[in-house]
Protein backbone atom coordinates (compact mmCIF):
# COMPACT_ATOMS: atom_id res chain seq x y z
CA UNK A 1 11.72 7.77 -10.42
CA UNK A 2 8.68 5.57 -10.92
CA UNK A 3 6.01 5.30 -7.85
CA UNK A 4 6.80 1.88 -5.98
CA UNK A 5 3.24 0.96 -6.00
CA UNK A 6 4.28 -2.37 -4.03
CA UNK A 7 5.72 -0.09 -1.11
CA UNK A 8 3.00 2.11 -1.11
CA UNK A 9 0.53 -0.79 -1.48
CA UNK A 10 2.54 -2.39 2.15
CA UNK A 11 2.13 1.82 3.11
CA UNK A 12 -1.71 1.96 3.07
CA UNK A 13 -2.20 -1.47 4.39
CA UNK A 14 0.19 -0.14 6.84
CA UNK A 15 -1.94 3.46 7.80
CA UNK A 16 -5.27 1.78 7.39
CA UNK A 17 -5.43 -0.40 10.07
CA UNK A 18 -3.77 1.47 12.17
CA UNK A 19 -6.26 4.29 11.31
CA UNK A 20 -9.94 1.96 12.17
CA UNK A 21 -6.85 0.48 15.14
CA UNK A 22 -7.21 3.97 16.98
CA UNK A 23 -10.43 4.36 15.97
CA UNK A 24 -9.36 8.05 14.12
CA UNK A 25 -11.61 7.95 11.06
CA UNK A 26 -9.81 10.91 9.02
CA UNK A 27 -7.02 9.39 9.72
CA UNK A 28 -9.35 6.38 7.66
CA UNK A 29 -10.07 8.30 5.00
CA UNK A 30 -6.64 10.48 4.33
CA UNK A 31 -4.25 6.61 4.12
CA UNK A 32 -7.88 5.90 1.77
CA UNK A 33 -7.00 8.51 -0.68
CA UNK A 34 -3.01 9.31 -0.39
CA UNK A 35 -1.32 8.05 -3.70
CA UNK A 36 -3.75 5.63 -5.67
CA UNK A 37 -2.97 3.04 -8.16
CA UNK A 38 -3.65 5.04 -11.26
CA UNK A 39 -1.77 3.94 -13.46
CA UNK A 40 -0.75 0.72 -11.40
CA UNK A 41 -0.78 -2.62 -14.39
CA UNK A 42 0.11 -4.81 -11.68
CA UNK A 43 -3.27 -6.88 -11.65
CA UNK A 44 -2.88 -8.50 -8.52
CA UNK A 45 -1.38 -5.19 -6.53
CA UNK A 46 -4.88 -3.33 -7.45
CA UNK A 47 -6.86 -5.97 -6.84
CA UNK A 48 -4.89 -6.38 -3.32
CA UNK A 49 -5.57 -2.41 -2.78
CA UNK A 50 -9.13 -2.23 -3.06
CA UNK A 51 -9.51 -5.78 -0.80
CA UNK A 52 -7.21 -3.70 1.65
CA UNK A 53 -9.07 -0.79 1.25
CA UNK A 54 -12.59 -2.34 0.88
CA UNK A 55 -11.76 -4.16 3.69
CA UNK A 56 -11.91 -0.98 5.60
CA UNK A 57 -14.57 0.24 4.98
CA UNK A 58 -16.67 -2.83 5.65
CA UNK A 59 -14.48 -2.98 9.18
CA UNK A 60 -16.40 0.81 10.19
CA UNK A 61 -19.78 0.69 12.05
CA UNK A 62 -22.45 2.66 10.10
CA UNK A 63 -23.15 5.82 13.33
CA UNK A 64 -18.56 6.19 11.92
CA UNK A 65 -19.17 6.71 8.50
CA UNK A 66 -20.39 10.39 8.75
CA UNK A 67 -17.91 11.12 11.23
CA UNK A 68 -14.79 9.45 9.25
CA UNK A 69 -16.35 11.55 5.99
CA UNK A 70 -17.00 15.31 8.02
CA UNK A 71 -15.51 17.62 6.92
CA UNK A 72 -13.53 15.37 3.65
CA UNK A 73 -11.44 17.37 0.96
CA UNK A 74 -13.27 17.24 -2.43
CA UNK A 75 -10.34 14.88 -3.87
CA UNK A 76 -10.78 12.53 -0.82
CA UNK A 77 -14.25 12.51 -1.88
CA UNK A 78 -13.15 11.09 -5.30
CA UNK A 79 -10.52 8.93 -4.37
CA UNK A 80 -13.42 7.75 -2.53
CA UNK A 81 -15.68 6.96 -4.98
CA UNK A 82 -13.38 5.29 -7.17
CA UNK A 83 -12.80 2.50 -4.25
CA UNK A 84 -16.45 2.60 -3.98
CA UNK A 85 -17.05 1.99 -7.56
CA UNK A 86 -14.49 -0.32 -8.47
CA UNK A 87 -15.62 -2.34 -4.51
CA UNK A 88 -19.43 -2.73 -5.34
CA UNK A 89 -18.61 -4.53 -8.64
CA UNK A 90 -17.61 -7.91 -6.91
CA UNK A 91 -21.12 -7.85 -5.39
CA UNK A 92 -20.11 -8.42 -2.13
CA UNK A 93 -20.47 -5.87 0.81
CA UNK A 94 -23.02 -3.53 -1.77
CA UNK A 95 -25.45 -2.39 1.63
CA UNK A 96 -22.23 -1.52 2.98
CA UNK A 97 -20.13 0.46 0.42
CA UNK A 98 -24.65 1.78 -0.45
CA UNK A 99 -24.55 3.57 2.50
CA UNK A 100 -20.47 4.77 2.80
CA UNK A 101 -21.69 6.50 -1.28
CA UNK A 102 -25.49 7.87 0.33
CA UNK A 103 -23.22 9.76 3.21
CA UNK A 104 -20.04 10.62 0.68
CA UNK A 105 -22.72 12.39 -1.09
CA UNK A 106 -24.42 13.97 1.39
CA UNK A 107 -21.55 15.12 2.89
CA UNK A 108 -20.31 16.85 -0.22
CA UNK A 109 -23.87 18.75 -0.71
CA UNK A 110 -24.13 18.13 -4.02
CA UNK A 111 -23.25 15.19 -7.12
CA UNK A 112 -20.13 16.78 -7.67
CA UNK A 113 -17.93 13.18 -6.57
CA UNK A 114 -20.23 11.30 -9.03
CA UNK A 115 -19.50 13.43 -12.09
CA UNK A 116 -16.15 13.14 -11.19
CA UNK A 117 -15.52 9.60 -10.71
CA UNK A 118 -17.04 8.70 -13.88
CA UNK A 119 -15.70 11.55 -15.75
CA UNK A 120 -12.33 10.94 -14.81
CA UNK A 121 -10.01 7.63 -16.57
CA UNK A 122 -7.75 6.36 -13.60
CA UNK A 123 -9.02 3.63 -11.65
CA UNK A 124 -8.06 1.55 -8.71
CA UNK A 125 -8.63 -1.45 -10.24
């Protein structure tokens, strides 16, 4: 059965909004990491998905980023890093995305998420 990327993007957008509005920081990271659009051929849909994720990450107060990342499984951090790198390509929100990057590396205890992100060919954009 083929994946319905549009429905997954809609679901992710709702989950991100709900988690952010309820200050469920772990829920934000879970929503970001659930069913990333790897393999999607629709560039507009991937852009919309990335914009939703970056908008959510930028909405965080700096003091809440560490709470959101606390105890994240490595696979969540890996997907988050893919979004961070894709968001950095635009050159907008770089300051906030680099804070996320720094804290994600610190939370993981090393360079693992960076290496895994670079080494895999899956892309969110």
